[in-house]
């Protein structure tokens, strides 16, 4: 059976320091494929965008889908 989206962890997106960066609270990036940005000034809130990598034909992480 195929897991539903609710069964995939989205823990990075639910951190209180990044919750304001989610336009819609029910559309969150899953942890396994989320885009992780470089930290700015060691601020843990700066590594997050609401986006996931999407693989292309024969190319992993070819695209990024964001809100």
PDB file of N, CA and C in Angstrom:
ATOM      1  N   UNK A   1       0.838  -1.184   0.000  1.00  0.00           N
ATOM      2  CA  UNK A   1       0.000   0.000   0.000  1.00  0.00           C
ATOM      3  C   UNK A   1       0.882   1.244   0.000  1.00  0.00           C
ATOM      4  N   UNK A   2       0.399   2.282  -0.605  1.00  0.00           N
ATOM      5  CA  UNK A   2       1.134   3.544  -0.685  1.00  0.00           C
ATOM      6  C   UNK A   2       0.801   4.373   0.549  1.00  0.00           C
ATOM      7  N   UNK A   3       1.832   4.879   1.273  1.00  0.00           N
ATOM      8  CA  UNK A   3       1.535   5.688   2.457  1.00  0.00           C
ATOM      9  C   UNK A   3       0.906   7.021   2.063  1.00  0.00           C
ATOM     10  N   UNK A   4       0.002   7.497   2.886  1.00  0.00           N
ATOM     11  CA  UNK A   4      -0.595   8.810   2.628  1.00  0.00           C
ATOM     12  C   UNK A   4       0.376   9.889   3.087  1.00  0.00           C
ATOM     13  N   UNK A   5       0.123  11.108   2.686  1.00  0.00           N
ATOM     14  CA  UNK A   5       1.004  12.207   3.064  1.00  0.00           C
ATOM     15  C   UNK A   5       1.038  12.420   4.566  1.00  0.00           C
ATOM     16  N   UNK A   6      -0.050  12.123   5.251  1.00  0.00           N
ATOM     17  CA  UNK A   6      -0.095  12.280   6.699  1.00  0.00           C
ATOM     18  C   UNK A   6       0.877  11.345   7.403  1.00  0.00           C
ATOM     19  N   UNK A   7       1.263  10.244   6.763  1.00  0.00           N
ATOM     20  CA  UNK A   7       2.151   9.273   7.384  1.00  0.00           C
ATOM     21  C   UNK A   7       3.624   9.622   7.200  1.00  0.00           C
ATOM     22  N   UNK A   8       3.936  10.600   6.371  1.00  0.00           N
ATOM     23  CA  UNK A   8       5.318  10.986   6.131  1.00  0.00           C
ATOM     24  C   UNK A   8       5.694  12.120   7.079  1.00  0.00           C
ATOM     25  N   UNK A   9       6.856  12.025   7.754  1.00  0.00           N
ATOM     26  CA  UNK A   9       7.210  13.037   8.752  1.00  0.00           C
ATOM     27  C   UNK A   9       7.496  14.411   8.140  1.00  0.00           C
ATOM     28  N   UNK A  10       6.973  15.421   8.801  1.00  0.00           N
ATOM     29  CA  UNK A  10       7.174  16.829   8.422  1.00  0.00           C
ATOM     30  C   UNK A  10       7.625  17.616   9.648  1.00  0.00           C
ATOM     31  N   UNK A  11       8.547  17.075  10.411  1.00  0.00           N
ATOM     32  CA  UNK A  11       8.919  17.681  11.690  1.00  0.00           C
ATOM     33  C   UNK A  11       9.630  19.022  11.545  1.00  0.00           C
ATOM     34  N   UNK A  12      10.460  19.194  10.527  1.00  0.00           N
ATOM     35  CA  UNK A  12      11.168  20.469  10.352  1.00  0.00           C
ATOM     36  C   UNK A  12      10.187  21.605  10.105  1.00  0.00           C
ATOM     37  N   UNK A  13       9.111  21.320   9.398  1.00  0.00           N
ATOM     38  CA  UNK A  13       8.127  22.348   9.050  1.00  0.00           C
ATOM     39  C   UNK A  13       7.250  22.754  10.220  1.00  0.00           C
ATOM     40  N   UNK A  14       7.201  21.942  11.255  1.00  0.00           N
ATOM     41  CA  UNK A  14       6.328  22.250  12.385  1.00  0.00           C
ATOM     42  C   UNK A  14       7.072  22.898  13.552  1.00  0.00           C
ATOM     43  N   UNK A  15       8.359  23.177  13.373  1.00  0.00           N
ATOM     44  CA  UNK A  15       9.095  23.891  14.428  1.00  0.00           C
ATOM     45  C   UNK A  15       8.508  25.294  14.577  1.00  0.00           C
ATOM     46  N   UNK A  16       8.360  25.754  15.801  1.00  0.00           N
ATOM     47  CA  UNK A  16       7.727  27.058  16.034  1.00  0.00           C
ATOM     48  C   UNK A  16       8.503  28.210  15.397  1.00  0.00           C
ATOM     49  N   UNK A  17       9.829  28.093  15.275  1.00  0.00           N
ATOM     50  CA  UNK A  17      10.619  29.193  14.713  1.00  0.00           C
ATOM     51  C   UNK A  17      10.439  29.348  13.209  1.00  0.00           C
ATOM     52  N   UNK A  18       9.878  28.348  12.534  1.00  0.00           N
ATOM     53  CA  UNK A  18       9.679  28.440  11.082  1.00  0.00           C
ATOM     54  C   UNK A  18       8.207  28.400  10.677  1.00  0.00           C
ATOM     55  N   UNK A  19       7.315  28.248  11.611  1.00  0.00           N
ATOM     56  CA  UNK A  19       5.899  28.080  11.260  1.00  0.00           C
ATOM     57  C   UNK A  19       5.342  29.266  10.474  1.00  0.00           C
ATOM     58  N   UNK A  20       5.861  30.455  10.682  1.00  0.00           N
ATOM     59  CA  UNK A  20       5.374  31.627   9.944  1.00  0.00           C
ATOM     60  C   UNK A  20       5.782  31.593   8.473  1.00  0.00           C
ATOM     61  N   UNK A  21       6.710  30.718   8.105  1.00  0.00           N
ATOM     62  CA  UNK A  21       7.163  30.612   6.717  1.00  0.00           C
ATOM     63  C   UNK A  21       6.276  29.694   5.878  1.00  0.00           C
ATOM     64  N   UNK A  22       5.307  29.051   6.501  1.00  0.00           N
ATOM     65  CA  UNK A  22       4.378  28.168   5.794  1.00  0.00           C
ATOM     66  C   UNK A  22       3.127  28.948   5.435  1.00  0.00           C
ATOM     67  N   UNK A  23       2.904  29.142   4.154  1.00  0.00           N
ATOM     68  CA  UNK A  23       1.732  29.893   3.706  1.00  0.00           C
ATOM     69  C   UNK A  23       0.444  29.163   4.071  1.00  0.00           C
ATOM     70  N   UNK A  24       0.428  27.859   3.864  1.00  0.00           N
ATOM     71  CA  UNK A  24      -0.726  27.029   4.212  1.00  0.00           C
ATOM     72  C   UNK A  24      -0.273  26.012   5.254  1.00  0.00           C
ATOM     73  N   UNK A  25      -0.988  25.911   6.347  1.00  0.00           N
ATOM     74  CA  UNK A  25      -0.583  25.024   7.435  1.00  0.00           C
ATOM     75  C   UNK A  25      -0.794  23.552   7.129  1.00  0.00           C
ATOM     76  N   UNK A  26      -1.560  23.244   6.094  1.00  0.00           N
ATOM     77  CA  UNK A  26      -1.809  21.843   5.749  1.00  0.00           C
ATOM     78  C   UNK A  26      -0.969  21.373   4.559  1.00  0.00           C
ATOM     79  N   UNK A  27      -0.079  22.216   4.044  1.00  0.00           N
ATOM     80  CA  UNK A  27       0.819  21.839   2.951  1.00  0.00           C
ATOM     81  C   UNK A  27       2.245  22.052   3.439  1.00  0.00           C
ATOM     82  N   UNK A  28       2.884  20.964   3.847  1.00  0.00           N
ATOM     83  CA  UNK A  28       4.207  21.040   4.460  1.00  0.00           C
ATOM     84  C   UNK A  28       5.191  20.152   3.715  1.00  0.00           C
ATOM     85  N   UNK A  29       6.473  20.538   3.678  1.00  0.00           N
ATOM     86  CA  UNK A  29       7.470  19.695   3.027  1.00  0.00           C
ATOM     87  C   UNK A  29       7.810  18.490   3.901  1.00  0.00           C
ATOM     88  N   UNK A  30       7.944  17.334   3.278  1.00  0.00           N
ATOM     89  CA  UNK A  30       8.313  16.150   4.051  1.00  0.00           C
ATOM     90  C   UNK A  30       9.818  16.181   4.326  1.00  0.00           C
ATOM     91  N   UNK A  31      10.203  15.664   5.467  1.00  0.00           N
ATOM     92  CA  UNK A  31      11.597  15.726   5.901  1.00  0.00           C
ATOM     93  C   UNK A  31      12.560  15.030   4.944  1.00  0.00           C
ATOM     94  N   UNK A  32      12.153  13.935   4.350  1.00  0.00           N
ATOM     95  CA  UNK A  32      13.057  13.125   3.526  1.00  0.00           C
ATOM     96  C   UNK A  32      13.545  13.844   2.277  1.00  0.00           C
ATOM     97  N   UNK A  33      12.746  14.755   1.734  1.00  0.00           N
ATOM     98  CA  UNK A  33      13.130  15.408   0.478  1.00  0.00           C
ATOM     99  C   UNK A  33      13.089  16.933   0.559  1.00  0.00           C
ATOM    100  N   UNK A  34      13.014  17.494   1.751  1.00  0.00           N
ATOM    101  CA  UNK A  34      12.905  18.949   1.851  1.00  0.00           C
ATOM    102  C   UNK A  34      14.210  19.630   1.461  1.00  0.00           C
ATOM    103  N   UNK A  35      14.094  20.843   0.976  1.00  0.00           N
ATOM    104  CA  UNK A  35      15.252  21.663   0.626  1.00  0.00           C
ATOM    105  C   UNK A  35      15.801  22.254   1.919  1.00  0.00           C
ATOM    106  N   UNK A  36      17.094  22.063   2.163  1.00  0.00           N
ATOM    107  CA  UNK A  36      17.735  22.610   3.358  1.00  0.00           C
ATOM    108  C   UNK A  36      18.714  23.688   2.918  1.00  0.00           C
ATOM    109  N   UNK A  37      18.480  24.912   3.370  1.00  0.00           N
ATOM    110  CA  UNK A  37      19.332  26.037   3.018  1.00  0.00           C
ATOM    111  C   UNK A  37      20.524  26.131   3.962  1.00  0.00           C
ATOM    112  N   UNK A  38      21.547  26.858   3.554  1.00  0.00           N
ATOM    113  CA  UNK A  38      22.693  27.126   4.425  1.00  0.00           C
ATOM    114  C   UNK A  38      22.254  28.079   5.535  1.00  0.00           C
ATOM    115  N   UNK A  39      22.791  27.866   6.730  1.00  0.00           N
ATOM    116  CA  UNK A  39      22.462  28.741   7.856  1.00  0.00           C
ATOM    117  C   UNK A  39      23.094  30.116   7.661  1.00  0.00           C
ATOM    118  N   UNK A  40      22.383  31.147   8.067  1.00  0.00           N
ATOM    119  CA  UNK A  40      22.914  32.503   8.078  1.00  0.00           C
ATOM    120  C   UNK A  40      23.127  32.918   9.520  1.00  0.00           C
ATOM    121  N   UNK A  41      24.340  33.314   9.858  1.00  0.00           N
ATOM    122  CA  UNK A  41      24.670  33.768  11.214  1.00  0.00           C
ATOM    123  C   UNK A  41      24.258  32.761  12.287  1.00  0.00           C
ATOM    124  N   UNK A  42      24.371  31.477  11.979  1.00  0.00           N
ATOM    125  CA  UNK A  42      24.022  30.393  12.909  1.00  0.00           C
ATOM    126  C   UNK A  42      22.583  30.466  13.418  1.00  0.00           C
ATOM    127  N   UNK A  43      21.698  31.103  12.670  1.00  0.00           N
ATOM    128  CA  UNK A  43      20.288  31.202  13.040  1.00  0.00           C
ATOM    129  C   UNK A  43      19.560  29.959  12.539  1.00  0.00           C
ATOM    130  N   UNK A  44      19.028  29.119  13.440  1.00  0.00           N
ATOM    131  CA  UNK A  44      18.395  27.864  13.020  1.00  0.00           C
ATOM    132  C   UNK A  44      17.132  28.054  12.183  1.00  0.00           C
ATOM    133  N   UNK A  45      16.562  29.238  12.163  1.00  0.00           N
ATOM    134  CA  UNK A  45      15.359  29.478  11.362  1.00  0.00           C
ATOM    135  C   UNK A  45      15.683  29.759   9.901  1.00  0.00           C
ATOM    136  N   UNK A  46      16.958  29.982   9.583  1.00  0.00           N
ATOM    137  CA  UNK A  46      17.309  30.379   8.217  1.00  0.00           C
ATOM    138  C   UNK A  46      17.586  29.205   7.285  1.00  0.00           C
ATOM    139  N   UNK A  47      17.548  27.982   7.776  1.00  0.00           N
ATOM    140  CA  UNK A  47      17.796  26.825   6.902  1.00  0.00           C
ATOM    141  C   UNK A  47      16.519  26.303   6.260  1.00  0.00           C
ATOM    142  N   UNK A  48      15.390  26.955   6.499  1.00  0.00           N
ATOM    143  CA  UNK A  48      14.090  26.404   6.106  1.00  0.00           C
ATOM    144  C   UNK A  48      13.402  27.225   5.025  1.00  0.00           C
ATOM    145  N   UNK A  49      12.920  26.533   3.994  1.00  0.00           N
ATOM    146  CA  UNK A  49      11.893  27.047   3.093  1.00  0.00           C
ATOM    147  C   UNK A  49      10.881  25.922   2.926  1.00  0.00           C
ATOM    148  N   UNK A  50       9.680  26.272   2.575  1.00  0.00           N
ATOM    149  CA  UNK A  50       8.662  25.252   2.361  1.00  0.00           C
ATOM    150  C   UNK A  50       8.838  24.735   0.938  1.00  0.00           C
ATOM    151  N   UNK A  51       9.758  23.806   0.777  1.00  0.00           N
ATOM    152  CA  UNK A  51      10.042  23.257  -0.543  1.00  0.00           C
ATOM    153  C   UNK A  51      10.609  21.855  -0.465  1.00  0.00           C
ATOM    154  N   UNK A  52      10.350  21.085  -1.503  1.00  0.00           N
ATOM    155  CA  UNK A  52      10.870  19.725  -1.619  1.00  0.00           C
ATOM    156  C   UNK A  52      11.553  19.543  -2.963  1.00  0.00           C
ATOM    157  N   UNK A  53      12.592  18.705  -2.969  1.00  0.00           N
ATOM    158  CA  UNK A  53      13.226  18.302  -4.221  1.00  0.00           C
ATOM    159  C   UNK A  53      12.337  17.296  -4.936  1.00  0.00           C
ATOM    160  N   UNK A  54      12.336  17.371  -6.254  1.00  0.00           N
ATOM    161  CA  UNK A  54      11.618  16.413  -7.091  1.00  0.00           C
ATOM    162  C   UNK A  54      12.604  15.884  -8.121  1.00  0.00           C
ATOM    163  N   UNK A  55      12.669  14.585  -8.250  1.00  0.00           N
ATOM    164  CA  UNK A  55      13.586  13.978  -9.214  1.00  0.00           C
ATOM    165  C   UNK A  55      13.027  14.086 -10.622  1.00  0.00           C
ATOM    166  N   UNK A  56      13.924  14.266 -11.581  1.00  0.00           N
ATOM    167  CA  UNK A  56      13.550  14.260 -12.990  1.00  0.00           C
ATOM    168  C   UNK A  56      13.865  12.906 -13.592  1.00  0.00           C
ATOM    169  N   UNK A  57      13.701  12.788 -14.875  1.00  0.00           N
ATOM    170  CA  UNK A  57      14.006  11.541 -15.565  1.00  0.00           C
ATOM    171  C   UNK A  57      15.506  11.288 -15.484  1.00  0.00           C
ATOM    172  N   UNK A  58      15.905  10.256 -14.767  1.00  0.00           N
ATOM    173  CA  UNK A  58      17.299   9.852 -14.576  1.00  0.00           C
ATOM    174  C   UNK A  58      18.143  10.871 -13.814  1.00  0.00           C
ATOM    175  N   UNK A  59      17.534  11.880 -13.208  1.00  0.00           N
ATOM    176  CA  UNK A  59      18.283  12.901 -12.478  1.00  0.00           C
ATOM    177  C   UNK A  59      17.634  13.158 -11.121  1.00  0.00           C
ATOM    178  N   UNK A  60      18.274  12.692 -10.039  1.00  0.00           N
ATOM    179  CA  UNK A  60      17.714  12.954  -8.717  1.00  0.00           C
ATOM    180  C   UNK A  60      17.776  14.449  -8.382  1.00  0.00           C
ATOM    181  N   UNK A  61      16.803  14.917  -7.636  1.00  0.00           N
ATOM    182  CA  UNK A  61      16.758  16.307  -7.163  1.00  0.00           C
ATOM    183  C   UNK A  61      16.902  17.329  -8.283  1.00  0.00           C
ATOM    184  N   UNK A  62      16.274  17.081  -9.399  1.00  0.00           N
ATOM    185  CA  UNK A  62      16.362  17.956 -10.580  1.00  0.00           C
ATOM    186  C   UNK A  62      15.564  19.249 -10.393  1.00  0.00           C
ATOM    187  N   UNK A  63      14.424  19.166  -9.696  1.00  0.00           N
ATOM    188  CA  UNK A  63      13.522  20.308  -9.549  1.00  0.00           C
ATOM    189  C   UNK A  63      13.247  20.583  -8.076  1.00  0.00           C
ATOM    190  N   UNK A  64      12.757  21.790  -7.804  1.00  0.00           N
ATOM    191  CA  UNK A  64      12.314  22.163  -6.463  1.00  0.00           C
ATOM    192  C   UNK A  64      10.879  22.660  -6.572  1.00  0.00           C
ATOM    193  N   UNK A  65      10.002  22.100  -5.749  1.00  0.00           N
ATOM    194  CA  UNK A  65       8.613  22.563  -5.663  1.00  0.00           C
ATOM    195  C   UNK A  65       8.468  23.335  -4.358  1.00  0.00           C
ATOM    196  N   UNK A  66       7.941  24.544  -4.442  1.00  0.00           N
ATOM    197  CA  UNK A  66       7.760  25.375  -3.251  1.00  0.00           C
ATOM    198  C   UNK A  66       6.341  25.909  -3.198  1.00  0.00           C
ATOM    199  N   UNK A  67       6.012  26.491  -2.053  1.00  0.00           N
ATOM    200  CA  UNK A  67       4.708  27.141  -1.906  1.00  0.00           C
ATOM    201  C   UNK A  67       4.778  28.503  -2.523  1.00  0.00           C
TER     202      UNK A  67
END
